[in-house]
Amino acid sequence: MTRVKVKICGIRSLEEAEAALDEGADALGFNFWPKSPRYITPRAARGIIATLSPMASTVGVFVNEDAGRILEIASDLHLSAVQLHGDESPDFCTRLSSIKTIKAIRVGQDFDLSMIERYSAAMVLLDSDIRGSYGGTGQRFDWRIALEAKRLAPIILAGGLNTENVWDAITHVRPAAIDVCSGVESEPGRKDLIKLRSFMAVVARANVLIAGEADEAAQISTGFLP
């Protein structure tokens, strides 16, 4: 791995979507949980997605939604993946095998790493376990758990990421991807484009660093460096 990918979650307008992609985001997240301050209707999301490049990756975020409804929305909007951010069981994830699935798992003090192995998801998103919340809290968990979790599945690191700590998230944890929401907002449900640009600038610099380290390691292993 030489680059950590970025998903900007909680997109609610075309301006936010285009700004995120222009700054180098790899994926956009649309929250279809009605109780979230970042909720967007599938119809509104479809209008945004239809305007974007067909190469843009889009992820639908669901919380304890009916499997049939998830598949219906995913098909209608041509989503690249769905993210299950509720209390969905491993069996439930298996029922969605026709589409790329990301399972969000909340990490608390007594987190059991073996939980990750129970899910057959394409990727696992680790977020902070805050009572009564299903994400977007802006709270960070112990990243040492993410370092261990990388052995079990491709990991998306979430929870409290912002301009001040994303450098460490990328250069120290080195997950497959990171997910940011509240860290680039002016208020819940509204992206701050200045924060977004600053965040993505740090991401770009961190990715240059780890790519350079990977190149150096490759040269050493093939004898190109003394």
Protein backbone atom coordinates (compact mmCIF):
# COMPACT_ATOMS: atom_id res chain seq x y z
CA MET A 1 0.00 0.00 0.00
CA THR A 2 1.43 3.38 -1.01
CA ARG A 3 -1.61 5.63 -0.63
CA VAL A 4 -4.39 5.95 1.91
CA LYS A 5 -7.72 6.69 0.24
CA VAL A 6 -10.24 9.24 1.53
CA LYS A 7 -14.01 9.14 1.87
CA ILE A 8 -15.82 12.38 2.65
CA CYS A 9 -19.07 11.43 4.38
CA GLY A 10 -22.28 13.35 4.97
CA ILE A 11 -22.44 15.02 1.55
CA ARG A 12 -25.66 17.02 1.18
CA SER A 13 -25.15 19.31 -1.80
CA LEU A 14 -23.59 19.37 -5.25
CA GLU A 15 -21.19 22.08 -4.10
CA GLU A 16 -19.89 19.84 -1.33
CA ALA A 17 -19.60 16.86 -3.65
CA GLU A 18 -17.70 18.75 -6.32
CA ALA A 19 -15.39 20.41 -3.78
CA ALA A 20 -14.52 17.05 -2.20
CA LEU A 21 -13.73 15.47 -5.57
CA ASP A 22 -11.76 18.52 -6.74
CA GLU A 23 -9.59 18.28 -3.63
CA GLY A 24 -8.83 14.61 -4.30
CA ALA A 25 -11.42 12.63 -2.34
CA ASP A 26 -11.76 9.04 -3.53
CA ALA A 27 -15.37 8.51 -2.43
CA LEU A 28 -18.42 10.43 -1.27
CA GLY A 29 -20.76 9.23 1.45
CA PHE A 30 -24.50 9.94 1.43
CA ASN A 31 -26.30 9.36 4.73
CA PHE A 32 -29.73 7.78 4.32
CA TRP A 33 -30.51 7.50 8.03
CA PRO A 34 -33.41 9.90 8.70
CA LYS A 35 -32.35 10.62 12.30
CA SER A 36 -28.94 11.96 11.25
CA PRO A 37 -28.31 15.71 10.89
CA ARG A 38 -26.54 14.72 7.67
CA TYR A 39 -29.56 12.91 6.26
CA ILE A 40 -30.25 13.27 2.58
CA THR A 41 -33.18 11.74 0.73
CA PRO A 42 -32.34 9.16 -1.93
CA ARG A 43 -34.05 11.42 -4.46
CA ALA A 44 -31.83 14.39 -3.58
CA ALA A 45 -28.73 12.19 -3.60
CA ARG A 46 -29.67 10.84 -7.01
CA GLY A 47 -29.81 14.40 -8.36
CA ILE A 48 -26.30 15.08 -7.10
CA ILE A 49 -24.84 11.78 -8.27
CA ALA A 50 -26.33 12.18 -11.75
CA THR A 51 -24.38 15.41 -12.14
CA LEU A 52 -21.03 13.93 -11.14
CA SER A 53 -18.53 12.09 -13.30
CA PRO A 54 -19.48 8.42 -13.70
CA MET A 55 -16.00 7.67 -12.33
CA ALA A 56 -16.90 9.15 -8.93
CA SER A 57 -17.29 6.53 -6.19
CA THR A 58 -20.45 6.92 -4.11
CA VAL A 59 -21.35 5.17 -0.88
CA GLY A 60 -24.78 4.96 0.72
CA VAL A 61 -24.78 4.96 4.52
CA PHE A 62 -27.58 3.01 6.19
CA VAL A 63 -28.51 2.33 9.82
CA ASN A 64 -30.62 -0.75 10.58
CA GLU A 65 -32.42 -0.47 7.25
CA ASP A 66 -34.34 -3.25 5.53
CA ALA A 67 -32.09 -5.25 3.21
CA GLY A 68 -34.49 -4.98 0.30
CA ARG A 69 -34.65 -1.21 0.69
CA ILE A 70 -30.86 -0.97 0.75
CA LEU A 71 -30.55 -2.95 -2.47
CA GLU A 72 -33.31 -0.90 -4.08
CA ILE A 73 -31.62 2.42 -3.31
CA ALA A 74 -28.19 1.09 -4.28
CA SER A 75 -29.51 -0.02 -7.66
CA ASP A 76 -31.53 3.14 -8.29
CA LEU A 77 -28.61 5.45 -7.49
CA HIS A 78 -25.91 3.20 -9.00
CA LEU A 79 -23.98 3.31 -5.74
CA SER A 80 -20.43 1.99 -5.70
CA ALA A 81 -20.92 0.52 -2.21
CA VAL A 82 -23.15 0.53 0.83
CA GLN A 83 -22.00 1.21 4.38
CA LEU A 84 -23.87 -0.44 7.23
CA HIS A 85 -23.51 1.76 10.28
CA GLY A 86 -26.02 0.19 12.63
CA ASP A 87 -26.41 -3.08 14.48
CA GLU A 88 -26.49 -5.29 11.40
CA SER A 89 -25.52 -8.93 11.93
CA PRO A 90 -23.01 -10.94 9.90
CA ASP A 91 -25.92 -12.81 8.31
CA PHE A 92 -27.50 -9.51 7.27
CA CYS A 93 -24.28 -8.48 5.51
CA THR A 94 -24.23 -11.78 3.66
CA ARG A 95 -27.67 -10.98 2.24
CA LEU A 96 -26.12 -7.94 0.54
CA SER A 97 -23.40 -9.91 -1.22
CA SER A 98 -24.48 -8.57 -4.62
CA ILE A 99 -22.98 -5.15 -3.80
CA LYS A 100 -19.73 -4.07 -2.19
CA THR A 101 -20.42 -3.72 1.52
CA ILE A 102 -18.59 -1.77 4.22
CA LYS A 103 -19.45 -2.73 7.79
CA ALA A 104 -18.98 -0.05 10.42
CA ILE A 105 -18.00 -1.39 13.83
CA ARG A 106 -17.95 0.82 16.90
CA VAL A 107 -14.85 0.54 19.08
CA GLY A 108 -15.17 0.86 22.84
CA GLN A 109 -13.01 0.03 25.83
CA ASP A 110 -13.79 -3.70 25.75
CA PHE A 111 -13.62 -4.09 21.98
CA ASP A 112 -13.23 -7.67 20.78
CA LEU A 113 -11.10 -7.86 17.63
CA SER A 114 -12.61 -11.21 16.71
CA MET A 115 -15.84 -9.37 15.84
CA ILE A 116 -14.18 -8.20 12.63
CA GLU A 117 -13.71 -11.77 11.42
CA ARG A 118 -17.42 -12.51 11.74
CA TYR A 119 -18.30 -10.19 8.86
CA SER A 120 -17.79 -10.99 5.18
CA ALA A 121 -17.70 -7.31 4.21
CA ALA A 122 -15.30 -5.92 1.62
CA MET A 123 -13.98 -3.45 4.20
CA VAL A 124 -14.48 -2.70 7.89
CA LEU A 125 -14.89 0.85 9.13
CA LEU A 126 -13.82 1.45 12.72
CA ASP A 127 -15.56 4.31 14.53
CA SER A 128 -15.85 5.47 18.13
CA ASP A 129 -18.44 3.79 20.33
CA ILE A 130 -20.43 6.67 21.79
CA ARG A 131 -23.61 5.67 23.61
CA GLY A 132 -26.74 6.54 21.66
CA SER A 133 -24.83 7.44 18.50
CA TYR A 134 -24.26 5.74 15.17
CA GLY A 135 -21.25 7.82 14.12
CA GLY A 136 -20.40 11.39 13.22
CA THR A 137 -19.54 12.28 16.83
CA GLY A 138 -16.10 13.72 16.20
CA GLN A 139 -14.67 11.49 18.94
CA ARG A 140 -11.49 9.48 18.49
CA PHE A 141 -10.85 5.94 19.75
CA ASP A 142 -7.58 4.18 20.61
CA TRP A 143 -5.79 3.78 17.27
CA ARG A 144 -3.70 0.91 18.61
CA ILE A 145 -6.82 -1.19 18.02
CA ALA A 146 -6.84 -0.16 14.36
CA LEU A 147 -3.22 -1.24 14.03
CA GLU A 148 -4.20 -4.70 15.27
CA ALA A 149 -7.36 -4.80 13.16
CA LYS A 150 -5.37 -4.31 9.94
CA ARG A 151 -4.25 -7.93 10.24
CA LEU A 152 -7.84 -9.12 9.93
CA ALA A 153 -9.42 -6.97 7.20
CA PRO A 154 -8.96 -3.85 5.07
CA ILE A 155 -9.66 -1.03 7.52
CA ILE A 156 -11.28 2.38 7.07
CA LEU A 157 -10.32 4.60 10.00
CA ALA A 158 -13.02 7.00 11.21
CA GLY A 159 -13.90 8.86 14.38
CA GLY A 160 -12.62 12.32 15.24
CA LEU A 161 -10.36 12.84 12.23
CA ASN A 162 -9.48 16.45 11.47
CA THR A 163 -6.67 18.59 10.05
CA GLU A 164 -4.71 18.36 13.31
CA ASN A 165 -4.55 14.56 13.55
CA VAL A 166 -4.97 13.17 10.04
CA TRP A 167 -1.20 13.27 9.45
CA ASP A 168 -0.69 10.80 12.32
CA ALA A 169 -3.66 8.72 11.17
CA ILE A 170 -2.08 8.20 7.77
CA THR A 171 1.61 7.98 8.61
CA HIS A 172 1.27 5.93 11.82
CA VAL A 173 -1.85 3.82 11.39
CA ARG A 174 -1.75 3.52 7.58
CA PRO A 175 -5.26 2.12 7.10
CA ALA A 176 -6.60 1.28 3.67
CA ALA A 177 -8.72 4.43 3.85
CA ILE A 178 -9.91 7.17 6.16
CA ASP A 179 -13.43 8.54 6.59
CA VAL A 180 -14.07 12.12 7.68
CA CYS A 181 -17.32 13.89 8.39
CA SER A 182 -17.56 16.27 11.36
CA GLY A 183 -13.87 17.18 11.07
CA VAL A 184 -14.56 19.15 7.88
CA GLU A 185 -17.85 20.73 8.95
CA SER A 186 -18.82 24.18 10.19
CA GLU A 187 -21.82 22.56 11.90
CA PRO A 188 -23.44 19.11 11.72
CA GLY A 189 -24.69 18.62 8.18
CA ARG A 190 -22.79 21.51 6.59
CA LYS A 191 -19.31 21.12 5.15
CA ASP A 192 -16.76 23.90 5.65
CA LEU A 193 -14.94 24.09 2.33
CA ILE A 194 -11.91 25.81 3.88
CA LYS A 195 -11.57 22.99 6.44
CA LEU A 196 -12.07 20.47 3.65
CA ARG A 197 -9.26 21.93 1.55
CA SER A 198 -6.91 22.12 4.54
CA PHE A 199 -7.70 18.53 5.49
CA MET A 200 -7.08 17.22 1.98
CA ALA A 201 -3.82 19.20 1.72
CA VAL A 202 -2.49 17.40 4.82
CA VAL A 203 -3.70 14.07 3.39
CA ALA A 204 -1.82 14.72 0.16
CA ARG A 205 1.43 15.52 1.98
CA ALA A 206 1.13 12.44 4.19
CA ASN A 207 0.51 10.23 1.19
CA VAL A 208 3.58 11.65 -0.55
CA LEU A 209 5.62 10.68 2.51
CA ILE A 210 4.44 7.08 2.70
CA ALA A 211 4.76 6.67 -1.08
CA GLY A 212 8.36 7.86 -0.86
CA GLU A 213 9.10 5.43 1.96
CA ALA A 214 7.61 2.59 -0.07
CA ASP A 215 9.74 3.49 -3.09
CA GLU A 216 12.87 3.60 -0.96
CA ALA A 217 12.08 0.23 0.58
CA ALA A 218 11.55 -1.26 -2.88
CA GLN A 219 14.88 0.10 -4.09
CA ILE A 220 16.70 -1.32 -1.09
CA SER A 221 15.11 -4.73 -1.56
CA THR A 222 16.20 -4.85 -5.22
CA GLY A 223 19.71 -3.54 -4.54
CA PHE A 224 19.33 -0.14 -6.16
CA LEU A 225 20.55 1.67 -3.05
CA PRO A 226 23.78 1.01 -1.17
